[in-house]
Amino acid sequence: MTDRELLDLFHSGAREQAFTVLIETYQQKVYYHVRRMLQSHEDANDVMQNTFVKVWKSLENFRADSQLFTWVYRIATNEAITFLNYRNKKATISFDGTDSDDDDNNYSPSNHIKGDSHQIDPDDLLARLQLAIDSLPDKQKLVFNLRYYDEMPYEQMSEVLGTSEGALKASYHHAAQKIEKFLLGGD
């Protein structure tokens, strides 16, 4: 179903049916986009639900200046950034220095090589890649994930993030350099 058909269905009074189609169409993409930003399944689900609540409340006023997908992605991105800012603010307020919610982030992959010196453990490499991505500033992490995992063109990223294509290209370039340095041992 095209954006126009979905919006026509929504405005014709079949709001719930249109919204169900919208969720079925974008839920998986939104979830994985948000999950890469937040790392936690529970947090990603919460942010995804908040995203679709905002989409539901605002769909009637959607002007179709951009694609529906771009608009939904932008809402999801903003919700994830808001969540990250809240979590970071909450973490800086904590005085005891412990964070029991982030046990998964304490994983440190071994840097061993299986067998001979030419075989690299792919699980170890993926874990190190994720650690490298997690070490990026939030904006660079977001741009890297959109470009690398979602293969989103810079033009569409510019619409989603409200940033110039040049700034996005520079951000991606810096992120890729930091990841490369991290993976080559320059933690």
N, C-alpha and C. Protein backbone atom coordinates (compact mmCIF):
# COMPACT_ATOMS: atom_id res chain seq x y z
N MET A 1 0.84 -1.17 0.00
CA MET A 1 0.00 0.00 0.00
C MET A 1 0.89 1.24 0.00
N THR A 2 0.61 2.19 -0.86
CA THR A 2 1.40 3.42 -0.94
C THR A 2 1.06 4.35 0.22
N ASP A 3 1.93 5.34 0.43
CA ASP A 3 1.67 6.33 1.47
C ASP A 3 0.31 7.01 1.24
N ARG A 4 0.07 7.38 0.00
CA ARG A 4 -1.17 8.09 -0.32
C ARG A 4 -2.39 7.22 -0.02
N GLU A 5 -2.32 5.95 -0.41
CA GLU A 5 -3.43 5.03 -0.16
C GLU A 5 -3.65 4.85 1.34
N LEU A 6 -2.56 4.73 2.08
CA LEU A 6 -2.67 4.57 3.52
C LEU A 6 -3.29 5.81 4.16
N LEU A 7 -2.85 6.98 3.75
CA LEU A 7 -3.40 8.22 4.29
C LEU A 7 -4.86 8.41 3.89
N ASP A 8 -5.19 8.05 2.66
CA ASP A 8 -6.60 8.13 2.22
C ASP A 8 -7.47 7.20 3.05
N LEU A 9 -6.97 6.00 3.32
CA LEU A 9 -7.70 5.06 4.16
C LEU A 9 -7.90 5.63 5.56
N PHE A 10 -6.86 6.23 6.09
CA PHE A 10 -6.92 6.83 7.43
C PHE A 10 -7.96 7.95 7.47
N HIS A 11 -7.92 8.84 6.47
CA HIS A 11 -8.84 9.98 6.45
C HIS A 11 -10.26 9.60 6.05
N SER A 12 -10.44 8.41 5.49
CA SER A 12 -11.79 7.99 5.08
C SER A 12 -12.59 7.42 6.26
N GLY A 13 -11.95 7.36 7.42
CA GLY A 13 -12.66 6.86 8.59
C GLY A 13 -12.19 5.49 9.06
N ALA A 14 -11.37 4.83 8.28
CA ALA A 14 -10.85 3.51 8.67
C ALA A 14 -9.50 3.71 9.37
N ARG A 15 -9.51 4.54 10.39
CA ARG A 15 -8.29 4.93 11.08
C ARG A 15 -7.53 3.74 11.66
N GLU A 16 -8.25 2.85 12.36
CA GLU A 16 -7.60 1.72 13.00
C GLU A 16 -6.98 0.77 11.96
N GLN A 17 -7.71 0.56 10.87
CA GLN A 17 -7.20 -0.31 9.82
C GLN A 17 -5.94 0.29 9.18
N ALA A 18 -5.98 1.58 8.91
CA ALA A 18 -4.82 2.26 8.32
C ALA A 18 -3.62 2.21 9.27
N PHE A 19 -3.90 2.45 10.55
CA PHE A 19 -2.81 2.44 11.52
C PHE A 19 -2.23 1.04 11.67
N THR A 20 -3.06 0.02 11.61
CA THR A 20 -2.58 -1.36 11.66
C THR A 20 -1.65 -1.64 10.48
N VAL A 21 -2.02 -1.19 9.31
CA VAL A 21 -1.18 -1.37 8.12
C VAL A 21 0.14 -0.62 8.31
N LEU A 22 0.07 0.59 8.83
CA LEU A 22 1.27 1.39 9.06
C LEU A 22 2.21 0.66 10.02
N ILE A 23 1.68 0.13 11.10
CA ILE A 23 2.51 -0.59 12.07
C ILE A 23 3.11 -1.84 11.44
N GLU A 24 2.29 -2.60 10.72
CA GLU A 24 2.80 -3.82 10.07
C GLU A 24 3.90 -3.48 9.06
N THR A 25 3.79 -2.34 8.43
CA THR A 25 4.76 -1.94 7.42
C THR A 25 6.08 -1.49 8.03
N TYR A 26 6.02 -0.73 9.13
CA TYR A 26 7.22 -0.06 9.65
C TYR A 26 7.73 -0.59 10.99
N GLN A 27 7.00 -1.44 11.66
CA GLN A 27 7.37 -1.86 13.00
C GLN A 27 8.76 -2.49 13.07
N GLN A 28 9.04 -3.41 12.20
CA GLN A 28 10.34 -4.10 12.25
C GLN A 28 11.49 -3.14 11.97
N LYS A 29 11.34 -2.29 10.97
CA LYS A 29 12.41 -1.33 10.65
C LYS A 29 12.64 -0.36 11.80
N VAL A 30 11.56 0.12 12.39
CA VAL A 30 11.68 1.06 13.51
C VAL A 30 12.34 0.36 14.70
N TYR A 31 11.91 -0.86 14.98
CA TYR A 31 12.48 -1.58 16.12
C TYR A 31 13.99 -1.74 15.96
N TYR A 32 14.45 -2.21 14.82
CA TYR A 32 15.89 -2.43 14.64
C TYR A 32 16.67 -1.13 14.62
N HIS A 33 16.08 -0.09 14.08
CA HIS A 33 16.72 1.23 14.11
C HIS A 33 16.92 1.68 15.55
N VAL A 34 15.87 1.60 16.33
CA VAL A 34 15.92 2.03 17.73
C VAL A 34 16.79 1.09 18.56
N ARG A 35 16.71 -0.18 18.29
CA ARG A 35 17.49 -1.17 19.05
C ARG A 35 18.99 -0.93 18.90
N ARG A 36 19.42 -0.58 17.70
CA ARG A 36 20.84 -0.31 17.50
C ARG A 36 21.28 0.92 18.29
N MET A 37 20.39 1.84 18.50
CA MET A 37 20.73 3.04 19.26
C MET A 37 20.75 2.75 20.76
N LEU A 38 19.85 1.90 21.22
CA LEU A 38 19.66 1.72 22.66
C LEU A 38 20.26 0.43 23.22
N GLN A 39 20.46 -0.55 22.41
CA GLN A 39 21.08 -1.83 22.78
C GLN A 39 20.19 -2.74 23.61
N SER A 40 19.19 -2.25 24.27
CA SER A 40 18.36 -3.07 25.14
C SER A 40 17.02 -3.35 24.46
N HIS A 41 16.61 -4.60 24.47
CA HIS A 41 15.33 -4.99 23.89
C HIS A 41 14.18 -4.26 24.57
N GLU A 42 14.19 -4.21 25.90
CA GLU A 42 13.11 -3.57 26.64
C GLU A 42 13.04 -2.08 26.32
N ASP A 43 14.20 -1.42 26.32
CA ASP A 43 14.23 0.01 26.02
C ASP A 43 13.76 0.27 24.58
N ALA A 44 14.21 -0.57 23.66
CA ALA A 44 13.81 -0.41 22.26
C ALA A 44 12.31 -0.59 22.10
N ASN A 45 11.73 -1.58 22.79
CA ASN A 45 10.29 -1.77 22.74
C ASN A 45 9.54 -0.57 23.30
N ASP A 46 10.01 -0.04 24.43
CA ASP A 46 9.37 1.14 25.02
C ASP A 46 9.40 2.33 24.07
N VAL A 47 10.57 2.57 23.50
CA VAL A 47 10.72 3.71 22.58
C VAL A 47 9.89 3.49 21.32
N MET A 48 9.85 2.25 20.83
CA MET A 48 9.04 1.96 19.65
C MET A 48 7.56 2.21 19.94
N GLN A 49 7.10 1.78 21.10
CA GLN A 49 5.71 2.02 21.47
C GLN A 49 5.41 3.52 21.58
N ASN A 50 6.32 4.26 22.19
CA ASN A 50 6.15 5.72 22.28
C ASN A 50 6.12 6.34 20.89
N THR A 51 6.94 5.82 20.00
CA THR A 51 6.97 6.32 18.63
C THR A 51 5.61 6.16 17.97
N PHE A 52 5.05 4.95 18.05
CA PHE A 52 3.78 4.71 17.37
C PHE A 52 2.61 5.42 18.06
N VAL A 53 2.72 5.68 19.35
CA VAL A 53 1.70 6.50 20.01
C VAL A 53 1.74 7.92 19.44
N LYS A 54 2.95 8.47 19.30
CA LYS A 54 3.08 9.82 18.72
C LYS A 54 2.61 9.83 17.27
N VAL A 55 2.93 8.78 16.52
CA VAL A 55 2.48 8.71 15.13
C VAL A 55 0.95 8.70 15.09
N TRP A 56 0.33 7.90 15.94
CA TRP A 56 -1.14 7.83 16.00
C TRP A 56 -1.74 9.19 16.29
N LYS A 57 -1.17 9.88 17.27
CA LYS A 57 -1.71 11.19 17.68
C LYS A 57 -1.50 12.26 16.61
N SER A 58 -0.47 12.10 15.79
CA SER A 58 -0.11 13.15 14.83
C SER A 58 -0.44 12.81 13.38
N LEU A 59 -0.86 11.60 13.11
CA LEU A 59 -1.07 11.17 11.72
C LEU A 59 -2.10 12.02 11.00
N GLU A 60 -3.11 12.45 11.72
CA GLU A 60 -4.15 13.28 11.10
C GLU A 60 -3.58 14.60 10.56
N ASN A 61 -2.52 15.08 11.20
CA ASN A 61 -1.91 16.36 10.79
C ASN A 61 -0.69 16.19 9.88
N PHE A 62 -0.38 14.95 9.50
CA PHE A 62 0.76 14.71 8.61
C PHE A 62 0.51 15.39 7.27
N ARG A 63 1.45 16.24 6.86
CA ARG A 63 1.27 17.06 5.66
C ARG A 63 1.81 16.41 4.39
N ALA A 64 2.48 15.32 4.51
CA ALA A 64 3.06 14.60 3.36
C ALA A 64 4.12 15.44 2.64
N ASP A 65 4.83 16.29 3.40
CA ASP A 65 5.96 17.02 2.83
C ASP A 65 7.14 16.07 2.58
N SER A 66 7.13 14.96 3.28
CA SER A 66 8.15 13.94 3.10
C SER A 66 7.44 12.60 3.03
N GLN A 67 8.20 11.56 2.81
CA GLN A 67 7.61 10.23 2.78
C GLN A 67 7.15 9.86 4.19
N LEU A 68 6.15 9.06 4.29
CA LEU A 68 5.63 8.62 5.57
C LEU A 68 6.72 7.88 6.36
N PHE A 69 7.47 7.05 5.68
CA PHE A 69 8.57 6.32 6.30
C PHE A 69 9.57 7.28 6.93
N THR A 70 9.94 8.33 6.22
CA THR A 70 10.90 9.31 6.72
C THR A 70 10.36 9.99 7.97
N TRP A 71 9.09 10.33 7.96
CA TRP A 71 8.45 10.99 9.08
C TRP A 71 8.44 10.06 10.30
N VAL A 72 8.07 8.81 10.11
CA VAL A 72 8.04 7.84 11.21
C VAL A 72 9.46 7.63 11.76
N TYR A 73 10.44 7.51 10.87
CA TYR A 73 11.84 7.32 11.28
C TYR A 73 12.32 8.50 12.10
N ARG A 74 11.92 9.71 11.69
CA ARG A 74 12.34 10.90 12.42
C ARG A 74 11.74 10.90 13.83
N ILE A 75 10.49 10.54 13.94
CA ILE A 75 9.86 10.46 15.26
C ILE A 75 10.58 9.41 16.11
N ALA A 76 10.88 8.26 15.53
CA ALA A 76 11.58 7.20 16.26
C ALA A 76 12.97 7.67 16.70
N THR A 77 13.66 8.35 15.82
CA THR A 77 15.00 8.86 16.14
C THR A 77 14.92 9.86 17.29
N ASN A 78 13.98 10.78 17.21
CA ASN A 78 13.82 11.78 18.27
C ASN A 78 13.45 11.12 19.60
N GLU A 79 12.59 10.12 19.55
CA GLU A 79 12.21 9.41 20.78
C GLU A 79 13.43 8.69 21.37
N ALA A 80 14.24 8.07 20.53
CA ALA A 80 15.43 7.38 21.02
C ALA A 80 16.44 8.36 21.61
N ILE A 81 16.63 9.49 20.94
CA ILE A 81 17.56 10.51 21.46
C ILE A 81 17.05 11.06 22.79
N THR A 82 15.75 11.31 22.88
CA THR A 82 15.17 11.78 24.14
C THR A 82 15.41 10.75 25.24
N PHE A 83 15.21 9.48 24.93
CA PHE A 83 15.45 8.41 25.90
C PHE A 83 16.92 8.39 26.33
N LEU A 84 17.84 8.48 25.35
CA LEU A 84 19.27 8.48 25.68
C LEU A 84 19.64 9.67 26.55
N ASN A 85 19.12 10.83 26.22
CA ASN A 85 19.40 12.02 27.03
C ASN A 85 18.89 11.85 28.45
N TYR A 86 17.70 11.30 28.58
CA TYR A 86 17.13 11.04 29.92
C TYR A 86 18.00 10.05 30.68
N ARG A 87 18.39 8.97 30.00
CA ARG A 87 19.21 7.95 30.65
C ARG A 87 20.57 8.52 31.05
N ASN A 88 21.18 9.34 30.17
CA ASN A 88 22.47 9.94 30.48
C ASN A 88 22.35 10.93 31.64
N LYS A 89 21.28 11.69 31.66
CA LYS A 89 21.06 12.64 32.75
C LYS A 89 20.87 11.89 34.06
N LYS A 90 20.10 10.81 34.01
CA LYS A 90 19.86 9.98 35.19
C LYS A 90 21.17 9.38 35.69
N ALA A 91 22.04 8.97 34.77
CA ALA A 91 23.31 8.36 35.15
C ALA A 91 24.24 9.37 35.81
N THR A 92 24.21 10.61 35.38
CA THR A 92 25.09 11.62 35.98
C THR A 92 24.58 12.04 37.35
N ILE A 93 23.30 11.85 37.61
CA ILE A 93 22.74 12.20 38.91
C ILE A 93 23.08 11.14 39.95
N SER A 94 23.30 9.89 39.49
CA SER A 94 23.61 8.80 40.40
C SER A 94 24.94 9.08 41.11
N PHE A 95 24.93 8.96 42.43
CA PHE A 95 26.13 9.26 43.21
C PHE A 95 26.95 8.03 43.56
N ASP A 96 26.33 6.87 43.52
CA ASP A 96 27.05 5.68 43.97
C ASP A 96 27.93 5.07 42.88
N GLY A 97 27.80 5.52 41.63
CA GLY A 97 28.67 5.07 40.56
C GLY A 97 28.34 3.70 40.02
N THR A 98 27.32 3.04 40.55
CA THR A 98 26.95 1.73 40.03
C THR A 98 25.76 1.86 39.13
N ASP A 99 25.69 0.98 38.16
CA ASP A 99 24.58 0.99 37.23
C ASP A 99 24.17 -0.44 36.98
N SER A 100 23.26 -0.95 37.76
CA SER A 100 22.89 -2.35 37.67
C SER A 100 22.09 -2.67 36.43
N ASP A 101 21.54 -1.66 35.74
CA ASP A 101 20.74 -1.90 34.55
C ASP A 101 21.59 -2.21 33.33
N ASP A 102 22.88 -1.90 33.38
CA ASP A 102 23.71 -2.02 32.19
C ASP A 102 24.70 -3.18 32.28
N ASP A 103 24.29 -4.29 32.88
CA ASP A 103 25.19 -5.43 32.98
C ASP A 103 25.64 -5.91 31.62
N ASP A 104 24.79 -5.79 30.60
CA ASP A 104 25.16 -6.22 29.25
C ASP A 104 26.28 -5.38 28.68
N ASN A 105 26.40 -4.12 29.09
CA ASN A 105 27.42 -3.23 28.55
C ASN A 105 28.79 -3.50 29.16
N ASN A 106 28.87 -4.34 30.18
CA ASN A 106 30.15 -4.64 30.81
C ASN A 106 30.86 -5.79 30.11
N TYR A 107 30.29 -6.32 29.06
CA TYR A 107 30.90 -7.42 28.33
C TYR A 107 32.18 -6.95 27.67
N SER A 108 33.23 -7.71 27.87
CA SER A 108 34.50 -7.39 27.25
C SER A 108 34.98 -8.62 26.50
N PRO A 109 34.90 -8.59 25.18
CA PRO A 109 35.28 -9.78 24.43
C PRO A 109 36.78 -10.05 24.55
N SER A 110 37.11 -11.31 24.54
CA SER A 110 38.54 -11.65 24.55
C SER A 110 39.11 -11.30 23.19
N ASN A 111 40.36 -11.03 23.18
CA ASN A 111 41.02 -10.67 21.92
C ASN A 111 41.80 -11.85 21.37
N HIS A 112 41.36 -13.06 21.71
CA HIS A 112 42.11 -14.23 21.29
C HIS A 112 41.83 -14.56 19.82
N ILE A 113 42.76 -15.29 19.27
CA ILE A 113 42.63 -15.78 17.90
C ILE A 113 42.58 -17.28 17.97
N LYS A 114 41.58 -17.88 17.37
CA LYS A 114 41.43 -19.34 17.40
C LYS A 114 42.41 -19.99 16.44
N GLY A 115 42.94 -21.10 16.88
CA GLY A 115 43.79 -21.90 15.99
C GLY A 115 45.03 -21.13 15.58
N ASP A 116 45.28 -21.10 14.27
CA ASP A 116 46.47 -20.41 13.83
C ASP A 116 46.23 -18.90 13.78
N SER A 117 47.24 -18.15 13.49
CA SER A 117 47.18 -16.69 13.57
C SER A 117 46.37 -16.07 12.44
N HIS A 118 45.83 -16.86 11.54
CA HIS A 118 45.07 -16.30 10.41
C HIS A 118 43.56 -16.43 10.59
N GLN A 119 43.12 -17.12 11.64
CA GLN A 119 41.68 -17.28 11.85
C GLN A 119 41.22 -16.37 12.98
N ILE A 120 40.29 -15.49 12.66
CA ILE A 120 39.74 -14.58 13.65
C ILE A 120 38.35 -15.08 14.02
N ASP A 121 38.05 -15.07 15.30
CA ASP A 121 36.74 -15.49 15.78
C ASP A 121 35.70 -14.46 15.33
N PRO A 122 34.74 -14.84 14.45
CA PRO A 122 33.76 -13.87 13.95
C PRO A 122 32.87 -13.31 15.05
N ASP A 123 32.55 -14.11 16.07
CA ASP A 123 31.75 -13.61 17.19
C ASP A 123 32.51 -12.53 17.95
N ASP A 124 33.80 -12.77 18.13
CA ASP A 124 34.65 -11.79 18.81
C ASP A 124 34.72 -10.50 17.99
N LEU A 125 34.86 -10.64 16.70
CA LEU A 125 34.93 -9.47 15.83
C LEU A 125 33.63 -8.67 15.88
N LEU A 126 32.49 -9.36 15.84
CA LEU A 126 31.20 -8.67 15.93
C LEU A 126 31.03 -7.97 17.28
N ALA A 127 31.47 -8.62 18.33
CA ALA A 127 31.38 -8.02 19.67
C ALA A 127 32.26 -6.77 19.74
N ARG A 128 33.46 -6.85 19.17
CA ARG A 128 34.35 -5.67 19.16
C ARG A 128 33.76 -4.55 18.31
N LEU A 129 33.14 -4.90 17.19
CA LEU A 129 32.49 -3.88 16.36
C LEU A 129 31.40 -3.18 17.15
N GLN A 130 30.58 -3.97 17.88
CA GLN A 130 29.51 -3.36 18.67
C GLN A 130 30.08 -2.47 19.77
N LEU A 131 31.16 -2.90 20.40
CA LEU A 131 31.81 -2.06 21.42
C LEU A 131 32.34 -0.77 20.80
N ALA A 132 32.90 -0.88 19.60
CA ALA A 132 33.41 0.31 18.91
C ALA A 132 32.27 1.28 18.61
N ILE A 133 31.16 0.75 18.12
CA ILE A 133 30.00 1.60 17.81
C ILE A 133 29.46 2.23 19.09
N ASP A 134 29.40 1.44 20.16
CA ASP A 134 28.90 1.96 21.44
C ASP A 134 29.78 3.06 22.01
N SER A 135 31.05 3.07 21.64
CA SER A 135 31.97 4.08 22.16
C SER A 135 31.83 5.43 21.45
N LEU A 136 31.09 5.45 20.35
CA LEU A 136 30.91 6.70 19.59
C LEU A 136 29.97 7.65 20.33
N PRO A 137 30.15 8.96 20.09
CA PRO A 137 29.15 9.91 20.59
C PRO A 137 27.79 9.59 19.95
N ASP A 138 26.71 9.93 20.63
CA ASP A 138 25.36 9.55 20.19
C ASP A 138 25.08 9.95 18.74
N LYS A 139 25.44 11.14 18.35
CA LYS A 139 25.14 11.61 16.98
C LYS A 139 25.89 10.77 15.94
N GLN A 140 27.18 10.50 16.19
CA GLN A 140 27.95 9.68 15.26
C GLN A 140 27.44 8.26 15.22
N LYS A 141 27.04 7.74 16.37
CA LYS A 141 26.48 6.38 16.43
C LYS A 141 25.21 6.31 15.58
N LEU A 142 24.37 7.31 15.71
CA LEU A 142 23.12 7.35 14.96
C LEU A 142 23.40 7.40 13.46
N VAL A 143 24.27 8.29 13.03
CA VAL A 143 24.60 8.43 11.61
C VAL A 143 25.23 7.15 11.08
N PHE A 144 26.16 6.58 11.85
CA PHE A 144 26.80 5.34 11.42
C PHE A 144 25.79 4.23 11.24
N ASN A 145 24.89 4.05 12.22
CA ASN A 145 23.88 2.99 12.14
C ASN A 145 22.94 3.19 10.95
N LEU A 146 22.51 4.41 10.72
CA LEU A 146 21.61 4.67 9.60
C LEU A 146 22.28 4.35 8.26
N ARG A 147 23.54 4.73 8.15
CA ARG A 147 24.26 4.53 6.89
C ARG A 147 24.73 3.08 6.72
N TYR A 148 25.34 2.53 7.74
CA TYR A 148 25.95 1.21 7.64
C TYR A 148 24.92 0.09 7.68
N TYR A 149 24.05 0.10 8.66
CA TYR A 149 23.09 -0.99 8.82
C TYR A 149 21.83 -0.79 7.98
N ASP A 150 21.29 0.42 7.98
CA ASP A 150 20.05 0.68 7.25
C ASP A 150 20.31 1.06 5.80
N GLU A 151 21.56 1.31 5.44
CA GLU A 151 21.95 1.72 4.10
C GLU A 151 21.11 2.90 3.60
N MET A 152 20.83 3.81 4.52
CA MET A 152 20.02 4.97 4.18
C MET A 152 20.87 6.00 3.42
N PRO A 153 20.36 6.50 2.31
CA PRO A 153 21.10 7.53 1.56
C PRO A 153 21.22 8.81 2.40
N TYR A 154 22.28 9.56 2.16
CA TYR A 154 22.51 10.80 2.91
C TYR A 154 21.34 11.77 2.75
N GLU A 155 20.76 11.81 1.57
CA GLU A 155 19.63 12.71 1.33
C GLU A 155 18.47 12.39 2.27
N GLN A 156 18.16 11.12 2.42
CA GLN A 156 17.07 10.72 3.31
C GLN A 156 17.46 10.93 4.77
N MET A 157 18.72 10.66 5.11
CA MET A 157 19.19 10.92 6.47
C MET A 157 19.05 12.40 6.81
N SER A 158 19.33 13.24 5.84
CA SER A 158 19.22 14.68 6.03
C SER A 158 17.79 15.07 6.39
N GLU A 159 16.82 14.44 5.74
CA GLU A 159 15.41 14.70 6.05
C GLU A 159 15.05 14.18 7.44
N VAL A 160 15.53 12.99 7.77
CA VAL A 160 15.20 12.38 9.05
C VAL A 160 15.81 13.17 10.21
N LEU A 161 17.06 13.57 10.06
CA LEU A 161 17.78 14.20 11.16
C LEU A 161 17.78 15.72 11.12
N GLY A 162 17.35 16.30 10.01
CA GLY A 162 17.35 17.76 9.90
C GLY A 162 18.75 18.34 9.90
N THR A 163 19.68 17.64 9.28
CA THR A 163 21.08 18.05 9.21
C THR A 163 21.52 18.02 7.76
N SER A 164 22.48 18.86 7.41
CA SER A 164 22.94 18.90 6.01
C SER A 164 23.63 17.61 5.63
N GLU A 165 23.59 17.30 4.35
CA GLU A 165 24.25 16.08 3.86
C GLU A 165 25.75 16.14 4.12
N GLY A 166 26.35 17.30 3.95
CA GLY A 166 27.78 17.45 4.20
C GLY A 166 28.15 17.13 5.63
N ALA A 167 27.36 17.62 6.57
CA ALA A 167 27.62 17.35 7.99
C ALA A 167 27.45 15.86 8.29
N LEU A 168 26.48 15.22 7.65
CA LEU A 168 26.27 13.79 7.85
C LEU A 168 27.43 12.98 7.28
N LYS A 169 27.91 13.37 6.11
CA LYS A 169 29.05 12.67 5.52
C LYS A 169 30.28 12.80 6.41
N ALA A 170 30.51 13.99 6.95
CA ALA A 170 31.64 14.20 7.84
C ALA A 170 31.48 13.38 9.12
N SER A 171 30.28 13.36 9.66
CA SER A 171 30.01 12.59 10.88
C SER A 171 30.24 11.10 10.64
N TYR A 172 29.76 10.59 9.51
CA TYR A 172 29.96 9.19 9.18
C TYR A 172 31.45 8.88 9.01
N HIS A 173 32.16 9.77 8.33
CA HIS A 173 33.59 9.58 8.10
C HIS A 173 34.35 9.51 9.43
N HIS A 174 34.05 10.44 10.34
CA HIS A 174 34.71 10.45 11.65
C HIS A 174 34.37 9.19 12.44
N ALA A 175 33.10 8.77 12.37
CA ALA A 175 32.68 7.56 13.07
C ALA A 175 33.42 6.34 12.53
N ALA A 176 33.50 6.23 11.21
CA ALA A 176 34.20 5.09 10.60
C ALA A 176 35.67 5.07 10.99
N GLN A 177 36.30 6.24 11.05
CA GLN A 177 37.71 6.31 11.46
C GLN A 177 37.88 5.86 12.91
N LYS A 178 36.99 6.30 13.79
CA LYS A 178 37.07 5.90 15.19
C LYS A 178 36.86 4.40 15.35
N ILE A 179 35.93 3.86 14.60
CA ILE A 179 35.67 2.42 14.67
C ILE A 179 36.89 1.64 14.16
N GLU A 180 37.44 2.09 13.06
CA GLU A 180 38.64 1.43 12.52
C GLU A 180 39.78 1.46 13.53
N LYS A 181 40.00 2.60 14.14
CA LYS A 181 41.06 2.73 15.15
C LYS A 181 40.80 1.80 16.33
N PHE A 182 39.55 1.72 16.77
CA PHE A 182 39.17 0.85 17.88
C PHE A 182 39.44 -0.62 17.51
N LEU A 183 39.02 -1.01 16.31
CA LEU A 183 39.16 -2.41 15.89
C LEU A 183 40.62 -2.80 15.66
N LEU A 184 41.44 -1.84 15.28
CA LEU A 184 42.86 -2.15 15.04
C LEU A 184 43.70 -2.06 16.30
N GLY A 185 43.02 -1.86 17.43
CA GLY A 185 43.75 -1.92 18.68
C GLY A 185 44.04 -0.60 19.34
N GLY A 186 43.53 0.47 18.78
CA GLY A 186 43.77 1.78 19.37
C GLY A 186 42.67 2.20 20.30
N ASP A 187 42.10 1.23 21.08
CA ASP A 187 40.99 1.51 22.00
C ASP A 187 41.17 2.86 22.58
